[in-house]
Amino acid sequence: MVTKAIKISEENYHWLIHYAADIQKESNKPVSIDAALTTLRSSSIAHLRGTWKMGDQEAEKIISDIHKGWKNWKLSA
């Protein structure tokens, strides 16, 4: 394995550490940062379900914006 140094923000680093910890809890075995990134890269978007923390007001705004977009969407003939 090649060792490389990369720059990431403190926020992303902590998120990645927590992500690796969640995988470790599920698998009951040690998980490296590299393994966490591999899991993230190879997973579907459904695997990220529940990782986006939002309030009810934000969810309602997103749904409202989607409905507005659908009303303006026209198919070309």
N, C-alpha and C. Protein backbone atom coordinates (compact mmCIF):
# COMPACT_ATOMS: atom_id res chain seq x y z
N MET A 1 0.85 -1.17 0.00
CA MET A 1 0.00 0.00 0.00
C MET A 1 0.90 1.23 0.00
N VAL A 2 0.54 2.20 -0.80
CA VAL A 2 1.27 3.46 -0.88
C VAL A 2 0.74 4.40 0.20
N THR A 3 1.63 5.12 0.86
CA THR A 3 1.23 6.09 1.87
C THR A 3 1.29 7.48 1.27
N LYS A 4 0.20 8.22 1.38
CA LYS A 4 0.10 9.58 0.86
C LYS A 4 -0.46 10.49 1.95
N ALA A 5 -0.07 11.74 1.89
CA ALA A 5 -0.63 12.75 2.79
C ALA A 5 -1.64 13.58 2.01
N ILE A 6 -2.79 13.80 2.61
CA ILE A 6 -3.81 14.65 1.97
C ILE A 6 -4.26 15.70 2.97
N LYS A 7 -4.76 16.81 2.47
CA LYS A 7 -5.30 17.86 3.34
C LYS A 7 -6.82 17.77 3.33
N ILE A 8 -7.39 17.69 4.51
CA ILE A 8 -8.85 17.76 4.64
C ILE A 8 -9.14 18.67 5.83
N SER A 9 -10.33 19.21 5.84
CA SER A 9 -10.71 20.11 6.94
C SER A 9 -10.87 19.30 8.23
N GLU A 10 -10.79 20.01 9.32
CA GLU A 10 -10.99 19.38 10.64
C GLU A 10 -12.38 18.76 10.72
N GLU A 11 -13.37 19.47 10.17
CA GLU A 11 -14.75 18.98 10.18
C GLU A 11 -14.86 17.66 9.42
N ASN A 12 -14.28 17.59 8.22
CA ASN A 12 -14.33 16.36 7.43
C ASN A 12 -13.57 15.22 8.10
N TYR A 13 -12.45 15.56 8.73
CA TYR A 13 -11.67 14.55 9.44
C TYR A 13 -12.51 13.93 10.56
N HIS A 14 -13.18 14.75 11.35
CA HIS A 14 -14.00 14.24 12.44
C HIS A 14 -15.19 13.44 11.91
N TRP A 15 -15.78 13.89 10.80
CA TRP A 15 -16.88 13.14 10.20
C TRP A 15 -16.41 11.76 9.78
N LEU A 16 -15.24 11.70 9.15
CA LEU A 16 -14.70 10.44 8.67
C LEU A 16 -14.37 9.50 9.83
N ILE A 17 -13.83 10.05 10.91
CA ILE A 17 -13.54 9.23 12.10
C ILE A 17 -14.84 8.63 12.65
N HIS A 18 -15.89 9.44 12.73
CA HIS A 18 -17.18 8.94 13.23
C HIS A 18 -17.78 7.92 12.27
N TYR A 19 -17.62 8.15 10.98
CA TYR A 19 -18.11 7.21 9.97
C TYR A 19 -17.41 5.85 10.15
N ALA A 20 -16.09 5.89 10.31
CA ALA A 20 -15.33 4.66 10.54
C ALA A 20 -15.77 3.97 11.83
N ALA A 21 -16.04 4.76 12.86
CA ALA A 21 -16.51 4.19 14.14
C ALA A 21 -17.86 3.51 13.98
N ASP A 22 -18.75 4.10 13.19
CA ASP A 22 -20.06 3.49 12.95
C ASP A 22 -19.91 2.15 12.23
N ILE A 23 -19.02 2.10 11.24
CA ILE A 23 -18.78 0.84 10.53
C ILE A 23 -18.19 -0.19 11.49
N GLN A 24 -17.30 0.26 12.35
CA GLN A 24 -16.67 -0.63 13.33
C GLN A 24 -17.71 -1.21 14.28
N LYS A 25 -18.67 -0.39 14.72
CA LYS A 25 -19.73 -0.87 15.60
C LYS A 25 -20.57 -1.95 14.91
N GLU A 26 -20.87 -1.73 13.62
CA GLU A 26 -21.69 -2.68 12.88
C GLU A 26 -20.95 -3.99 12.63
N SER A 27 -19.65 -3.91 12.34
CA SER A 27 -18.90 -5.10 11.96
C SER A 27 -18.20 -5.78 13.15
N ASN A 28 -18.15 -5.11 14.28
CA ASN A 28 -17.47 -5.63 15.48
C ASN A 28 -16.02 -6.00 15.21
N LYS A 29 -15.35 -5.21 14.37
CA LYS A 29 -13.91 -5.41 14.13
C LYS A 29 -13.29 -4.05 13.81
N PRO A 30 -12.00 -3.89 14.01
CA PRO A 30 -11.34 -2.61 13.75
C PRO A 30 -11.49 -2.18 12.29
N VAL A 31 -11.70 -0.88 12.09
CA VAL A 31 -11.87 -0.32 10.74
C VAL A 31 -10.91 0.85 10.58
N SER A 32 -10.07 0.78 9.58
CA SER A 32 -9.13 1.87 9.30
C SER A 32 -9.83 2.98 8.52
N ILE A 33 -9.19 4.13 8.45
CA ILE A 33 -9.72 5.23 7.64
C ILE A 33 -9.79 4.79 6.18
N ASP A 34 -8.77 4.08 5.72
CA ASP A 34 -8.76 3.59 4.34
C ASP A 34 -9.95 2.67 4.08
N ALA A 35 -10.24 1.77 5.01
CA ALA A 35 -11.38 0.87 4.86
C ALA A 35 -12.69 1.65 4.86
N ALA A 36 -12.79 2.68 5.69
CA ALA A 36 -14.00 3.51 5.73
C ALA A 36 -14.20 4.22 4.39
N LEU A 37 -13.12 4.75 3.83
CA LEU A 37 -13.22 5.42 2.53
C LEU A 37 -13.60 4.43 1.43
N THR A 38 -13.04 3.23 1.48
CA THR A 38 -13.38 2.20 0.49
C THR A 38 -14.86 1.85 0.60
N THR A 39 -15.35 1.70 1.82
CA THR A 39 -16.77 1.39 2.03
C THR A 39 -17.64 2.52 1.50
N LEU A 40 -17.25 3.74 1.78
CA LEU A 40 -18.02 4.90 1.33
C LEU A 40 -18.04 4.98 -0.19
N ARG A 41 -16.89 4.74 -0.81
CA ARG A 41 -16.77 4.83 -2.27
C ARG A 41 -17.58 3.75 -2.97
N SER A 42 -17.65 2.57 -2.39
CA SER A 42 -18.30 1.45 -3.06
C SER A 42 -19.78 1.30 -2.68
N SER A 43 -20.26 2.14 -1.79
CA SER A 43 -21.64 2.00 -1.33
C SER A 43 -22.59 2.83 -2.20
N SER A 44 -23.85 2.45 -2.13
CA SER A 44 -24.87 3.22 -2.84
C SER A 44 -25.26 4.42 -2.00
N ILE A 45 -26.00 5.32 -2.57
CA ILE A 45 -26.44 6.51 -1.83
C ILE A 45 -27.34 6.12 -0.67
N ALA A 46 -28.01 4.98 -0.77
CA ALA A 46 -28.88 4.53 0.31
C ALA A 46 -28.08 4.25 1.58
N HIS A 47 -26.81 3.94 1.42
CA HIS A 47 -25.96 3.66 2.58
C HIS A 47 -25.78 4.91 3.45
N LEU A 48 -25.98 6.08 2.87
CA LEU A 48 -25.81 7.33 3.61
C LEU A 48 -27.09 7.78 4.31
N ARG A 49 -28.14 6.98 4.18
CA ARG A 49 -29.42 7.31 4.81
C ARG A 49 -29.23 7.58 6.29
N GLY A 50 -29.75 8.71 6.74
CA GLY A 50 -29.69 9.07 8.15
C GLY A 50 -28.47 9.88 8.54
N THR A 51 -27.54 10.10 7.60
CA THR A 51 -26.33 10.84 7.96
C THR A 51 -26.53 12.34 7.83
N TRP A 52 -27.54 12.77 7.10
CA TRP A 52 -27.80 14.20 6.93
C TRP A 52 -28.78 14.62 8.01
N LYS A 53 -28.31 15.40 8.94
CA LYS A 53 -29.16 15.87 10.04
C LYS A 53 -29.87 17.15 9.60
N MET A 54 -31.19 17.12 9.60
CA MET A 54 -31.96 18.31 9.26
C MET A 54 -33.22 18.36 10.10
N GLY A 55 -33.70 19.57 10.27
CA GLY A 55 -34.92 19.76 11.03
C GLY A 55 -36.15 19.64 10.14
N ASP A 56 -37.30 19.62 10.77
CA ASP A 56 -38.56 19.51 10.04
C ASP A 56 -38.76 20.68 9.09
N GLN A 57 -38.37 21.88 9.53
CA GLN A 57 -38.56 23.07 8.70
C GLN A 57 -37.72 22.97 7.42
N GLU A 58 -36.48 22.50 7.53
CA GLU A 58 -35.63 22.34 6.35
C GLU A 58 -36.19 21.28 5.41
N ALA A 59 -36.70 20.18 5.96
CA ALA A 59 -37.29 19.12 5.15
C ALA A 59 -38.52 19.63 4.40
N GLU A 60 -39.35 20.39 5.08
CA GLU A 60 -40.55 20.95 4.43
C GLU A 60 -40.16 21.90 3.30
N LYS A 61 -39.11 22.70 3.48
CA LYS A 61 -38.66 23.62 2.43
C LYS A 61 -38.16 22.85 1.22
N ILE A 62 -37.41 21.79 1.44
CA ILE A 62 -36.91 20.98 0.33
C ILE A 62 -38.06 20.37 -0.44
N ILE A 63 -39.03 19.80 0.26
CA ILE A 63 -40.19 19.20 -0.40
C ILE A 63 -40.98 20.25 -1.17
N SER A 64 -41.17 21.41 -0.57
CA SER A 64 -41.87 22.51 -1.24
C SER A 64 -41.14 22.94 -2.51
N ASP A 65 -39.82 23.07 -2.44
CA ASP A 65 -39.02 23.46 -3.61
C ASP A 65 -39.10 22.40 -4.72
N ILE A 66 -39.13 21.13 -4.34
CA ILE A 66 -39.27 20.06 -5.34
C ILE A 66 -40.61 20.16 -6.04
N HIS A 67 -41.67 20.37 -5.27
CA HIS A 67 -43.01 20.49 -5.87
C HIS A 67 -43.08 21.70 -6.82
N LYS A 68 -42.47 22.82 -6.42
CA LYS A 68 -42.45 24.00 -7.30
C LYS A 68 -41.71 23.69 -8.59
N GLY A 69 -40.60 22.96 -8.48
CA GLY A 69 -39.83 22.58 -9.66
C GLY A 69 -40.63 21.68 -10.58
N TRP A 70 -41.40 20.73 -10.02
CA TRP A 70 -42.20 19.84 -10.83
C TRP A 70 -43.29 20.60 -11.58
N LYS A 71 -43.85 21.62 -10.94
CA LYS A 71 -44.90 22.41 -11.60
C LYS A 71 -44.36 23.17 -12.81
N ASN A 72 -43.09 23.58 -12.73
CA ASN A 72 -42.48 24.36 -13.83
C ASN A 72 -41.81 23.47 -14.88
N TRP A 73 -41.75 22.20 -14.64
CA TRP A 73 -41.06 21.28 -15.54
C TRP A 73 -41.94 20.98 -16.75
N LYS A 74 -41.39 21.25 -17.92
CA LYS A 74 -42.14 20.97 -19.14
C LYS A 74 -41.28 20.06 -20.02
N LEU A 75 -41.90 19.02 -20.56
CA LEU A 75 -41.22 18.13 -21.47
C LEU A 75 -41.24 18.72 -22.87
N SER A 76 -40.11 18.63 -23.56
CA SER A 76 -40.09 19.11 -24.94
C SER A 76 -40.76 18.07 -25.84
N ALA A 77 -41.49 18.57 -26.82
CA ALA A 77 -42.24 17.66 -27.70
C ALA A 77 -41.46 17.18 -28.86
